[in-house]
Amino acid sequence: MKILLAADGSSYTKKALAFLVTHEELAGGDGHLVVLNVQTPVPPRVKGMLGSTAIAEYHKDESEKVLKPIDRFLARHGIQYTLKMTVGNAGQEIVRAAKREKCQLVVMGTHGHGLLGRALLGSVAQTVVTDSEVPVLLVK
């Protein structure tokens, strides 16, 4: 099974990752895990002041802070995986990546807070659950 794990570096991502590793029927064997980190875009004015190269380097550095520990963790557990980073709206980018990568499942941690319409899910999780064409597993 090909699984997309949305990784933001929070303790909720760590819980989702631990869940996958302890449920070998999902990520083990001939499965493949695509770990995606979505960076928030910087405002256009800041991008104009600093330049595209500096902003790209910033996003790369911030993404590596999230992905490097996951890389080390997954390498120790013998799971086939790919690390990816993109910039944009987290919910939309997760849905796009799941489709682009032809994943059969999206796994993500959820903070479980939000306003009335999102009483049980965070806003990113709500977007993914609503817009994803494949099943979404939320780990809290």
Protein backbone atom coordinates (compact mmCIF):
# COMPACT_ATOMS: atom_id res chain seq x y z
CA MET A 1 0.00 0.00 0.00
CA LYS A 2 1.26 3.48 -0.81
CA ILE A 3 0.65 5.89 2.05
CA LEU A 4 1.09 9.64 2.30
CA LEU A 5 2.16 10.82 5.75
CA ALA A 6 1.64 14.55 6.29
CA ALA A 7 4.50 15.71 8.53
CA ASP A 8 4.62 19.06 10.28
CA GLY A 9 7.13 18.14 12.99
CA SER A 10 4.62 18.29 15.83
CA SER A 11 4.07 15.65 18.49
CA TYR A 12 0.99 14.64 16.47
CA THR A 13 3.20 13.78 13.50
CA LYS A 14 5.34 11.65 15.80
CA LYS A 15 2.24 9.80 17.00
CA ALA A 16 1.10 9.18 13.41
CA LEU A 17 4.58 7.94 12.50
CA ALA A 18 4.68 5.63 15.53
CA PHE A 19 1.25 4.29 14.59
CA LEU A 20 2.45 3.42 11.09
CA VAL A 21 5.60 1.72 12.33
CA THR A 22 3.67 -0.38 14.84
CA HIS A 23 1.08 -1.39 12.23
CA GLU A 24 3.29 -3.20 9.79
CA GLU A 25 0.29 -4.32 7.73
CA LEU A 26 -0.02 -0.70 6.57
CA ALA A 27 3.50 0.54 5.92
CA GLY A 28 5.60 -2.63 6.03
CA GLY A 29 6.26 -5.35 3.49
CA ASP A 30 5.87 -4.11 -0.06
CA GLY A 31 4.32 -0.82 1.06
CA HIS A 32 5.78 2.60 0.45
CA LEU A 33 5.50 5.70 2.59
CA VAL A 34 5.61 9.18 1.07
CA VAL A 35 6.42 11.69 3.81
CA LEU A 36 5.31 15.20 2.88
CA ASN A 37 6.19 18.42 4.65
CA VAL A 38 4.29 21.51 3.52
CA GLN A 39 5.88 24.87 4.22
CA THR A 40 3.76 27.99 4.61
CA PRO A 41 4.45 30.54 1.87
CA VAL A 42 6.01 33.81 2.89
CA PRO A 43 4.12 37.00 2.04
CA PRO A 44 4.88 38.36 -1.45
CA ARG A 45 6.32 41.55 0.01
CA VAL A 46 8.89 39.59 2.03
CA LYS A 47 9.71 37.46 -1.00
CA GLY A 48 10.26 40.65 -3.00
CA MET A 49 12.59 42.06 -0.36
CA LEU A 50 14.67 38.92 0.19
CA GLY A 51 14.53 37.32 -3.23
CA SER A 52 13.42 33.90 -4.45
CA THR A 53 16.74 32.20 -3.73
CA ALA A 54 16.78 33.22 -0.07
CA ILE A 55 13.15 32.17 0.38
CA ALA A 56 13.76 28.80 -1.30
CA GLU A 57 16.73 28.21 1.02
CA TYR A 58 14.62 29.18 4.03
CA HIS A 59 11.89 26.68 3.06
CA LYS A 60 14.49 23.97 2.46
CA ASP A 61 16.11 24.56 5.87
CA GLU A 62 12.76 24.58 7.68
CA SER A 63 11.65 21.42 5.90
CA GLU A 64 14.88 19.63 6.77
CA LYS A 65 14.22 20.34 10.47
CA VAL A 66 11.05 18.26 10.13
CA LEU A 67 12.20 15.61 7.65
CA LYS A 68 15.69 14.71 8.90
CA PRO A 69 14.54 13.14 12.19
CA ILE A 70 11.85 11.22 10.28
CA ASP A 71 14.45 10.08 7.78
CA ARG A 72 16.63 8.68 10.58
CA PHE A 73 13.65 7.06 12.29
CA LEU A 74 12.32 5.34 9.17
CA ALA A 75 15.78 4.16 8.09
CA ARG A 76 16.10 2.32 11.43
CA HIS A 77 12.75 0.58 10.90
CA GLY A 78 13.38 -0.70 7.38
CA ILE A 79 10.35 0.95 5.78
CA GLN A 80 10.49 2.01 2.14
CA TYR A 81 9.91 5.75 1.98
CA THR A 82 10.37 8.95 0.06
CA LEU A 83 10.71 12.42 1.61
CA LYS A 84 9.06 15.36 -0.12
CA MET A 85 8.63 19.06 0.57
CA THR A 86 6.37 21.65 -1.00
CA VAL A 87 5.19 25.18 -0.30
CA GLY A 88 1.55 26.19 -0.15
CA ASN A 89 -1.70 25.72 1.72
CA ALA A 90 -1.13 22.57 3.81
CA GLY A 91 -4.54 20.98 3.34
CA GLN A 92 -4.63 21.58 -0.40
CA GLU A 93 -1.05 20.44 -0.93
CA ILE A 94 -1.61 17.20 1.02
CA VAL A 95 -4.66 16.37 -1.11
CA ARG A 96 -2.75 17.20 -4.33
CA ALA A 97 0.25 15.12 -3.31
CA ALA A 98 -1.89 12.09 -2.43
CA LYS A 99 -3.43 12.23 -5.89
CA ARG A 100 -0.15 12.94 -7.71
CA GLU A 101 1.67 10.13 -5.87
CA LYS A 102 -1.26 7.73 -6.36
CA CYS A 103 -1.49 6.98 -2.64
CA GLN A 104 -4.20 4.69 -1.30
CA LEU A 105 -4.27 6.31 2.16
CA VAL A 106 -3.40 9.61 3.82
CA VAL A 107 -2.21 9.47 7.43
CA MET A 108 -1.82 12.56 9.54
CA GLY A 109 -1.78 13.63 13.12
CA THR A 110 -4.43 16.06 14.24
CA HIS A 111 -4.37 18.67 16.94
CA GLY A 112 -8.11 18.22 17.43
CA HIS A 113 -8.97 21.88 17.96
CA GLY A 114 -10.79 24.52 15.99
CA LEU A 115 -13.98 26.53 15.88
CA LEU A 116 -17.56 25.29 15.87
CA GLY A 117 -17.43 23.63 12.43
CA ARG A 118 -14.12 22.00 13.29
CA ALA A 119 -14.90 20.93 16.82
CA LEU A 120 -13.08 17.62 16.51
CA LEU A 121 -10.51 18.29 13.78
CA GLY A 122 -7.92 20.92 13.03
CA SER A 123 -8.45 23.07 9.96
CA VAL A 124 -5.80 21.23 7.88
CA ALA A 125 -7.26 17.86 8.82
CA GLN A 126 -10.76 19.12 7.99
CA THR A 127 -9.63 20.22 4.53
CA VAL A 128 -7.93 16.89 3.83
CA VAL A 129 -10.88 14.82 5.06
CA THR A 130 -13.30 16.91 3.01
CA ASP A 131 -11.30 17.08 -0.24
CA SER A 132 -9.32 13.83 -0.38
CA GLU A 133 -10.35 11.19 -2.89
CA VAL A 134 -8.69 8.46 -0.79
CA PRO A 135 -9.32 7.41 2.82
CA VAL A 136 -7.77 9.57 5.53
CA LEU A 137 -6.56 8.15 8.83
CA LEU A 138 -6.27 10.73 11.60
CA VAL A 139 -4.09 9.91 14.58
CA LYS A 140 -4.60 11.89 17.75
